[in-house]
């Protein structure tokens, strides 16, 4: 689950054999493992949100992925690299 927080969502993709272009797989063709990995983002978001105070929850209100939430909290609590 930590990988979802630090690297971002897992999106099932397929490679076109002819052009070798990566495309997003339709949800109907996801395997059981892929479905579980996609749900990790929702679980990570829930865990992060449950651990926050009301004030911190307001900061991350518009974040739509666990990575966005984590990055927002990191900047708020540690400062930016310019400040460091």
PDB file of N, CA and C in Angstrom:
ATOM      1  N   UNK A   1       0.822  -1.187   0.000  1.00  0.00           N
ATOM      2  CA  UNK A   1       0.000   0.000   0.000  1.00  0.00           C
ATOM      3  C   UNK A   1       0.872   1.258   0.000  1.00  0.00           C
ATOM      4  N   UNK A   2       2.024   1.190   0.643  1.00  0.00           N
ATOM      5  CA  UNK A   2       2.886   2.366   0.698  1.00  0.00           C
ATOM      6  C   UNK A   2       3.313   2.815  -0.696  1.00  0.00           C
ATOM      7  N   UNK A   3       3.462   1.892  -1.618  1.00  0.00           N
ATOM      8  CA  UNK A   3       3.847   2.226  -2.992  1.00  0.00           C
ATOM      9  C   UNK A   3       2.808   3.133  -3.645  1.00  0.00           C
ATOM     10  N   UNK A   4       1.533   2.917  -3.342  1.00  0.00           N
ATOM     11  CA  UNK A   4       0.461   3.759  -3.886  1.00  0.00           C
ATOM     12  C   UNK A   4       0.597   5.186  -3.355  1.00  0.00           C
ATOM     13  N   UNK A   5       0.966   5.312  -2.087  1.00  0.00           N
ATOM     14  CA  UNK A   5       1.100   6.631  -1.473  1.00  0.00           C
ATOM     15  C   UNK A   5       2.302   7.370  -2.040  1.00  0.00           C
ATOM     16  N   UNK A   6       3.401   6.682  -2.247  1.00  0.00           N
ATOM     17  CA  UNK A   6       4.615   7.357  -2.693  1.00  0.00           C
ATOM     18  C   UNK A   6       4.736   7.488  -4.208  1.00  0.00           C
ATOM     19  N   UNK A   7       4.158   6.547  -4.961  1.00  0.00           N
ATOM     20  CA  UNK A   7       4.327   6.564  -6.414  1.00  0.00           C
ATOM     21  C   UNK A   7       3.060   6.914  -7.192  1.00  0.00           C
ATOM     22  N   UNK A   8       1.900   6.755  -6.572  1.00  0.00           N
ATOM     23  CA  UNK A   8       0.655   7.075  -7.262  1.00  0.00           C
ATOM     24  C   UNK A   8      -0.185   5.847  -7.546  1.00  0.00           C
ATOM     25  N   UNK A   9      -1.323   6.084  -8.159  1.00  0.00           N
ATOM     26  CA  UNK A   9      -2.291   5.026  -8.448  1.00  0.00           C
ATOM     27  C   UNK A   9      -1.734   3.967  -9.380  1.00  0.00           C
ATOM     28  N   UNK A  10      -2.263   2.767  -9.219  1.00  0.00           N
ATOM     29  CA  UNK A  10      -2.008   1.704 -10.181  1.00  0.00           C
ATOM     30  C   UNK A  10      -3.128   1.750 -11.210  1.00  0.00           C
ATOM     31  N   UNK A  11      -2.774   1.803 -12.473  1.00  0.00           N
ATOM     32  CA  UNK A  11      -3.746   1.796 -13.557  1.00  0.00           C
ATOM     33  C   UNK A  11      -3.412   0.629 -14.473  1.00  0.00           C
ATOM     34  N   UNK A  12      -4.310  -0.372 -14.564  1.00  0.00           N
ATOM     35  CA  UNK A  12      -4.036  -1.505 -15.451  1.00  0.00           C
ATOM     36  C   UNK A  12      -3.892  -1.048 -16.904  1.00  0.00           C
ATOM     37  N   UNK A  13      -2.827  -1.511 -17.538  1.00  0.00           N
ATOM     38  CA  UNK A  13      -2.558  -1.121 -18.917  1.00  0.00           C
ATOM     39  C   UNK A  13      -2.208  -2.342 -19.752  1.00  0.00           C
ATOM     40  N   UNK A  14      -2.415  -2.207 -21.045  1.00  0.00           N
ATOM     41  CA  UNK A  14      -2.007  -3.245 -21.987  1.00  0.00           C
ATOM     42  C   UNK A  14      -1.107  -2.612 -23.036  1.00  0.00           C
ATOM     43  N   UNK A  15      -0.312  -3.444 -23.667  1.00  0.00           N
ATOM     44  CA  UNK A  15       0.572  -2.974 -24.723  1.00  0.00           C
ATOM     45  C   UNK A  15       0.051  -3.480 -26.057  1.00  0.00           C
ATOM     46  N   UNK A  16      -0.098  -2.565 -26.994  1.00  0.00           N
ATOM     47  CA  UNK A  16      -0.512  -2.942 -28.347  1.00  0.00           C
ATOM     48  C   UNK A  16       0.663  -3.661 -29.002  1.00  0.00           C
ATOM     49  N   UNK A  17       0.432  -4.862 -29.511  1.00  0.00           N
ATOM     50  CA  UNK A  17       1.506  -5.677 -30.086  1.00  0.00           C
ATOM     51  C   UNK A  17       2.122  -5.038 -31.322  1.00  0.00           C
ATOM     52  N   UNK A  18       1.343  -4.292 -32.061  1.00  0.00           N
ATOM     53  CA  UNK A  18       1.841  -3.705 -33.306  1.00  0.00           C
ATOM     54  C   UNK A  18       2.623  -2.422 -33.038  1.00  0.00           C
ATOM     55  N   UNK A  19       2.021  -1.503 -32.304  1.00  0.00           N
ATOM     56  CA  UNK A  19       2.642  -0.189 -32.115  1.00  0.00           C
ATOM     57  C   UNK A  19       3.399  -0.057 -30.801  1.00  0.00           C
ATOM     58  N   UNK A  20       3.324  -1.042 -29.926  1.00  0.00           N
ATOM     59  CA  UNK A  20       3.926  -1.046 -28.591  1.00  0.00           C
ATOM     60  C   UNK A  20       3.537   0.183 -27.761  1.00  0.00           C
ATOM     61  N   UNK A  21       2.323   0.663 -27.959  1.00  0.00           N
ATOM     62  CA  UNK A  21       1.808   1.800 -27.202  1.00  0.00           C
ATOM     63  C   UNK A  21       1.012   1.269 -26.015  1.00  0.00           C
ATOM     64  N   UNK A  22       1.245   1.839 -24.839  1.00  0.00           N
ATOM     65  CA  UNK A  22       0.511   1.451 -23.637  1.00  0.00           C
ATOM     66  C   UNK A  22      -0.852   2.131 -23.630  1.00  0.00           C
ATOM     67  N   UNK A  23      -1.904   1.348 -23.398  1.00  0.00           N
ATOM     68  CA  UNK A  23      -3.254   1.892 -23.287  1.00  0.00           C
ATOM     69  C   UNK A  23      -3.892   1.368 -22.006  1.00  0.00           C
ATOM     70  N   UNK A  24      -4.838   2.128 -21.490  1.00  0.00           N
ATOM     71  CA  UNK A  24      -5.541   1.719 -20.277  1.00  0.00           C
ATOM     72  C   UNK A  24      -6.494   0.589 -20.605  1.00  0.00           C
ATOM     73  N   UNK A  25      -6.447  -0.455 -19.781  1.00  0.00           N
ATOM     74  CA  UNK A  25      -7.314  -1.614 -19.972  1.00  0.00           C
ATOM     75  C   UNK A  25      -8.753  -1.259 -19.595  1.00  0.00           C
ATOM     76  N   UNK A  26      -9.734  -1.751 -20.329  1.00  0.00           N
ATOM     77  CA  UNK A  26     -11.122  -1.570 -19.898  1.00  0.00           C
ATOM     78  C   UNK A  26     -11.362  -2.324 -18.588  1.00  0.00           C
ATOM     79  N   UNK A  27     -12.193  -1.768 -17.732  1.00  0.00           N
ATOM     80  CA  UNK A  27     -12.419  -2.360 -16.417  1.00  0.00           C
ATOM     81  C   UNK A  27     -12.948  -3.791 -16.503  1.00  0.00           C
ATOM     82  N   UNK A  28     -13.711  -4.086 -17.538  1.00  0.00           N
ATOM     83  CA  UNK A  28     -14.274  -5.434 -17.695  1.00  0.00           C
ATOM     84  C   UNK A  28     -13.197  -6.503 -17.881  1.00  0.00           C
ATOM     85  N   UNK A  29     -12.019  -6.117 -18.345  1.00  0.00           N
ATOM     86  CA  UNK A  29     -10.967  -7.109 -18.593  1.00  0.00           C
ATOM     87  C   UNK A  29      -9.897  -7.150 -17.500  1.00  0.00           C
ATOM     88  N   UNK A  30     -10.121  -6.468 -16.371  1.00  0.00           N
ATOM     89  CA  UNK A  30      -9.166  -6.501 -15.271  1.00  0.00           C
ATOM     90  C   UNK A  30      -9.161  -7.875 -14.620  1.00  0.00           C
ATOM     91  N   UNK A  31      -7.995  -8.320 -14.214  1.00  0.00           N
ATOM     92  CA  UNK A  31      -7.888  -9.576 -13.465  1.00  0.00           C
ATOM     93  C   UNK A  31      -8.198  -9.293 -11.995  1.00  0.00           C
ATOM     94  N   UNK A  32      -8.344 -10.349 -11.216  1.00  0.00           N
ATOM     95  CA  UNK A  32      -8.602 -10.191  -9.788  1.00  0.00           C
ATOM     96  C   UNK A  32      -7.487  -9.431  -9.086  1.00  0.00           C
ATOM     97  N   UNK A  33      -6.239  -9.714  -9.468  1.00  0.00           N
ATOM     98  CA  UNK A  33      -5.095  -9.029  -8.873  1.00  0.00           C
ATOM     99  C   UNK A  33      -5.103  -7.540  -9.224  1.00  0.00           C
ATOM    100  N   UNK A  34      -5.439  -7.227 -10.469  1.00  0.00           N
ATOM    101  CA  UNK A  34      -5.490  -5.826 -10.888  1.00  0.00           C
ATOM    102  C   UNK A  34      -6.585  -5.071 -10.145  1.00  0.00           C
ATOM    103  N   UNK A  35      -7.722  -5.704  -9.925  1.00  0.00           N
ATOM    104  CA  UNK A  35      -8.811  -5.068  -9.175  1.00  0.00           C
ATOM    105  C   UNK A  35      -8.363  -4.746  -7.751  1.00  0.00           C
ATOM    106  N   UNK A  36      -7.642  -5.675  -7.125  1.00  0.00           N
ATOM    107  CA  UNK A  36      -7.151  -5.451  -5.775  1.00  0.00           C
ATOM    108  C   UNK A  36      -6.164  -4.291  -5.734  1.00  0.00           C
ATOM    109  N   UNK A  37      -5.293  -4.234  -6.715  1.00  0.00           N
ATOM    110  CA  UNK A  37      -4.294  -3.165  -6.746  1.00  0.00           C
ATOM    111  C   UNK A  37      -4.920  -1.799  -6.995  1.00  0.00           C
ATOM    112  N   UNK A  38      -5.988  -1.744  -7.797  1.00  0.00           N
ATOM    113  CA  UNK A  38      -6.688  -0.488  -8.039  1.00  0.00           C
ATOM    114  C   UNK A  38      -7.363  -0.005  -6.753  1.00  0.00           C
ATOM    115  N   UNK A  39      -7.908  -0.929  -5.971  1.00  0.00           N
ATOM    116  CA  UNK A  39      -8.583  -0.571  -4.727  1.00  0.00           C
ATOM    117  C   UNK A  39      -7.618  -0.065  -3.655  1.00  0.00           C
ATOM    118  N   UNK A  40      -6.335  -0.344  -3.803  1.00  0.00           N
ATOM    119  CA  UNK A  40      -5.371   0.116  -2.812  1.00  0.00           C
ATOM    120  C   UNK A  40      -5.374   1.628  -2.664  1.00  0.00           C
ATOM    121  N   UNK A  41      -5.599   2.376  -3.745  1.00  0.00           N
ATOM    122  CA  UNK A  41      -5.623   3.831  -3.635  1.00  0.00           C
ATOM    123  C   UNK A  41      -6.757   4.279  -2.733  1.00  0.00           C
ATOM    124  N   UNK A  42      -7.938   3.686  -2.902  1.00  0.00           N
ATOM    125  CA  UNK A  42      -9.077   4.061  -2.062  1.00  0.00           C
ATOM    126  C   UNK A  42      -8.798   3.731  -0.592  1.00  0.00           C
ATOM    127  N   UNK A  43      -8.209   2.577  -0.363  1.00  0.00           N
ATOM    128  CA  UNK A  43      -7.886   2.192   1.008  1.00  0.00           C
ATOM    129  C   UNK A  43      -6.859   3.144   1.609  1.00  0.00           C
ATOM    130  N   UNK A  44      -5.835   3.479   0.843  1.00  0.00           N
ATOM    131  CA  UNK A  44      -4.797   4.385   1.336  1.00  0.00           C
ATOM    132  C   UNK A  44      -5.383   5.760   1.634  1.00  0.00           C
ATOM    133  N   UNK A  45      -6.257   6.255   0.761  1.00  0.00           N
ATOM    134  CA  UNK A  45      -6.914   7.537   1.001  1.00  0.00           C
ATOM    135  C   UNK A  45      -7.716   7.489   2.306  1.00  0.00           C
ATOM    136  N   UNK A  46      -8.466   6.429   2.497  1.00  0.00           N
ATOM    137  CA  UNK A  46      -9.281   6.287   3.702  1.00  0.00           C
ATOM    138  C   UNK A  46      -8.404   6.273   4.954  1.00  0.00           C
ATOM    139  N   UNK A  47      -7.322   5.509   4.931  1.00  0.00           N
ATOM    140  CA  UNK A  47      -6.434   5.442   6.092  1.00  0.00           C
ATOM    141  C   UNK A  47      -5.827   6.807   6.402  1.00  0.00           C
ATOM    142  N   UNK A  48      -5.391   7.515   5.369  1.00  0.00           N
ATOM    143  CA  UNK A  48      -4.809   8.837   5.587  1.00  0.00           C
ATOM    144  C   UNK A  48      -5.847   9.809   6.137  1.00  0.00           C
ATOM    145  N   UNK A  49      -7.041   9.808   5.569  1.00  0.00           N
ATOM    146  CA  UNK A  49      -8.089  10.728   6.008  1.00  0.00           C
ATOM    147  C   UNK A  49      -8.522  10.446   7.440  1.00  0.00           C
ATOM    148  N   UNK A  50      -8.583   9.191   7.824  1.00  0.00           N
ATOM    149  CA  UNK A  50      -9.000   8.835   9.188  1.00  0.00           C
ATOM    150  C   UNK A  50      -7.979   9.284  10.231  1.00  0.00           C
ATOM    151  N   UNK A  51      -6.746   9.424   9.846  1.00  0.00           N
ATOM    152  CA  UNK A  51      -5.695   9.797  10.785  1.00  0.00           C
ATOM    153  C   UNK A  51      -5.560  11.311  10.958  1.00  0.00           C
ATOM    154  N   UNK A  52      -6.319  12.085  10.188  1.00  0.00           N
ATOM    155  CA  UNK A  52      -6.156  13.535  10.195  1.00  0.00           C
ATOM    156  C   UNK A  52      -7.158  14.227  11.113  1.00  0.00           C
ATOM    157  N   UNK A  53      -6.766  15.401  11.585  1.00  0.00           N
ATOM    158  CA  UNK A  53      -7.690  16.239  12.333  1.00  0.00           C
ATOM    159  C   UNK A  53      -8.621  16.945  11.340  1.00  0.00           C
ATOM    160  N   UNK A  54      -9.617  17.626  11.848  1.00  0.00           N
ATOM    161  CA  UNK A  54     -10.565  18.333  10.979  1.00  0.00           C
ATOM    162  C   UNK A  54      -9.851  19.414  10.172  1.00  0.00           C
ATOM    163  N   UNK A  55      -8.920  20.138  10.813  1.00  0.00           N
ATOM    164  CA  UNK A  55      -8.194  21.200  10.106  1.00  0.00           C
ATOM    165  C   UNK A  55      -7.351  20.625   8.958  1.00  0.00           C
ATOM    166  N   UNK A  56      -6.674  19.515   9.229  1.00  0.00           N
ATOM    167  CA  UNK A  56      -5.864  18.896   8.179  1.00  0.00           C
ATOM    168  C   UNK A  56      -6.740  18.303   7.088  1.00  0.00           C
ATOM    169  N   UNK A  57      -7.904  17.790   7.449  1.00  0.00           N
ATOM    170  CA  UNK A  57      -8.830  17.235   6.452  1.00  0.00           C
ATOM    171  C   UNK A  57      -9.268  18.298   5.459  1.00  0.00           C
ATOM    172  N   UNK A  58      -9.425  19.518   5.938  1.00  0.00           N
ATOM    173  CA  UNK A  58      -9.810  20.609   5.043  1.00  0.00           C
ATOM    174  C   UNK A  58      -8.706  20.923   4.040  1.00  0.00           C
ATOM    175  N   UNK A  59      -7.449  20.731   4.424  1.00  0.00           N
ATOM    176  CA  UNK A  59      -6.324  20.989   3.506  1.00  0.00           C
ATOM    177  C   UNK A  59      -6.305  20.015   2.335  1.00  0.00           C
ATOM    178  N   UNK A  60      -6.744  18.802   2.586  1.00  0.00           N
ATOM    179  CA  UNK A  60      -6.639  17.767   1.556  1.00  0.00           C
ATOM    180  C   UNK A  60      -7.980  17.486   0.883  1.00  0.00           C
ATOM    181  N   UNK A  61      -8.953  18.356   1.108  1.00  0.00           N
ATOM    182  CA  UNK A  61     -10.309  18.142   0.609  1.00  0.00           C
ATOM    183  C   UNK A  61     -10.349  17.895  -0.896  1.00  0.00           C
ATOM    184  N   UNK A  62      -9.556  18.619  -1.662  1.00  0.00           N
ATOM    185  CA  UNK A  62      -9.600  18.509  -3.121  1.00  0.00           C
ATOM    186  C   UNK A  62      -8.637  17.469  -3.694  1.00  0.00           C
ATOM    187  N   UNK A  63      -7.886  16.797  -2.867  1.00  0.00           N
ATOM    188  CA  UNK A  63      -6.962  15.768  -3.340  1.00  0.00           C
ATOM    189  C   UNK A  63      -7.754  14.526  -3.742  1.00  0.00           C
ATOM    190  N   UNK A  64      -7.426  13.970  -4.896  1.00  0.00           N
ATOM    191  CA  UNK A  64      -8.181  12.812  -5.385  1.00  0.00           C
ATOM    192  C   UNK A  64      -7.377  11.513  -5.395  1.00  0.00           C
ATOM    193  N   UNK A  65      -6.132  11.540  -4.954  1.00  0.00           N
ATOM    194  CA  UNK A  65      -5.360  10.308  -4.837  1.00  0.00           C
ATOM    195  C   UNK A  65      -4.599  10.329  -3.518  1.00  0.00           C
ATOM    196  N   UNK A  66      -4.195   9.159  -3.072  1.00  0.00           N
ATOM    197  CA  UNK A  66      -3.420   9.059  -1.835  1.00  0.00           C
ATOM    198  C   UNK A  66      -2.086   9.784  -1.982  1.00  0.00           C
ATOM    199  N   UNK A  67      -1.501   9.739  -3.169  1.00  0.00           N
ATOM    200  CA  UNK A  67      -0.236  10.436  -3.404  1.00  0.00           C
ATOM    201  C   UNK A  67      -0.418  11.940  -3.269  1.00  0.00           C
ATOM    202  N   UNK A  68      -1.505  12.490  -3.808  1.00  0.00           N
ATOM    203  CA  UNK A  68      -1.776  13.920  -3.673  1.00  0.00           C
ATOM    204  C   UNK A  68      -1.937  14.314  -2.210  1.00  0.00           C
ATOM    205  N   UNK A  69      -2.651  13.489  -1.448  1.00  0.00           N
ATOM    206  CA  UNK A  69      -2.832  13.755  -0.019  1.00  0.00           C
ATOM    207  C   UNK A  69      -1.483  13.768   0.680  1.00  0.00           C
ATOM    208  N   UNK A  70      -0.669  12.756   0.406  1.00  0.00           N
ATOM    209  CA  UNK A  70       0.628  12.644   1.059  1.00  0.00           C
ATOM    210  C   UNK A  70       1.533  13.820   0.702  1.00  0.00           C
ATOM    211  N   UNK A  71       1.567  14.185  -0.578  1.00  0.00           N
ATOM    212  CA  UNK A  71       2.409  15.305  -1.003  1.00  0.00           C
ATOM    213  C   UNK A  71       1.962  16.614  -0.355  1.00  0.00           C
ATOM    214  N   UNK A  72       0.651  16.826  -0.251  1.00  0.00           N
ATOM    215  CA  UNK A  72       0.120  18.029   0.379  1.00  0.00           C
ATOM    216  C   UNK A  72       0.513  18.084   1.851  1.00  0.00           C
ATOM    217  N   UNK A  73       0.372  16.967   2.536  1.00  0.00           N
ATOM    218  CA  UNK A  73       0.733  16.926   3.953  1.00  0.00           C
ATOM    219  C   UNK A  73       2.234  17.097   4.150  1.00  0.00           C
ATOM    220  N   UNK A  74       3.019  16.512   3.253  1.00  0.00           N
ATOM    221  CA  UNK A  74       4.475  16.625   3.342  1.00  0.00           C
ATOM    222  C   UNK A  74       4.905  18.091   3.234  1.00  0.00           C
ATOM    223  N   UNK A  75       4.337  18.785   2.266  1.00  0.00           N
ATOM    224  CA  UNK A  75       4.692  20.196   2.067  1.00  0.00           C
ATOM    225  C   UNK A  75       4.259  21.027   3.271  1.00  0.00           C
ATOM    226  N   UNK A  76       3.067  20.767   3.765  1.00  0.00           N
ATOM    227  CA  UNK A  76       2.566  21.561   4.889  1.00  0.00           C
ATOM    228  C   UNK A  76       3.394  21.335   6.155  1.00  0.00           C
ATOM    229  N   UNK A  77       3.770  20.110   6.445  1.00  0.00           N
ATOM    230  CA  UNK A  77       4.451  19.814   7.695  1.00  0.00           C
ATOM    231  C   UNK A  77       5.968  19.925   7.626  1.00  0.00           C
ATOM    232  N   UNK A  78       6.544  19.817   6.448  1.00  0.00           N
ATOM    233  CA  UNK A  78       8.000  19.894   6.323  1.00  0.00           C
ATOM    234  C   UNK A  78       8.466  21.158   5.637  1.00  0.00           C
ATOM    235  N   UNK A  79       7.603  21.808   4.885  1.00  0.00           N
ATOM    236  CA  UNK A  79       8.013  22.948   4.097  1.00  0.00           C
ATOM    237  C   UNK A  79       8.488  22.498   2.729  1.00  0.00           C
ATOM    238  N   UNK A  80       8.688  23.417   1.843  1.00  0.00           N
ATOM    239  CA  UNK A  80       9.155  23.093   0.510  1.00  0.00           C
ATOM    240  C   UNK A  80      10.673  22.950   0.510  1.00  0.00           C
ATOM    241  N   UNK A  81      11.226  22.463  -0.569  1.00  0.00           N
ATOM    242  CA  UNK A  81      12.686  22.306  -0.644  1.00  0.00           C
ATOM    243  C   UNK A  81      13.371  23.675  -0.609  1.00  0.00           C
ATOM    244  N   UNK A  82      12.684  24.720  -1.087  1.00  0.00           N
ATOM    245  CA  UNK A  82      13.247  26.066  -1.061  1.00  0.00           C
ATOM    246  C   UNK A  82      13.407  26.546   0.387  1.00  0.00           C
ATOM    247  N   UNK A  83      12.433  26.227   1.241  1.00  0.00           N
ATOM    248  CA  UNK A  83      12.489  26.634   2.642  1.00  0.00           C
ATOM    249  C   UNK A  83      13.570  25.873   3.384  1.00  0.00           C
ATOM    250  N   UNK A  84      13.729  24.584   3.062  1.00  0.00           N
ATOM    251  CA  UNK A  84      14.736  23.765   3.732  1.00  0.00           C
ATOM    252  C   UNK A  84      16.111  24.321   3.476  1.00  0.00           C
TER     253      UNK A  84
END
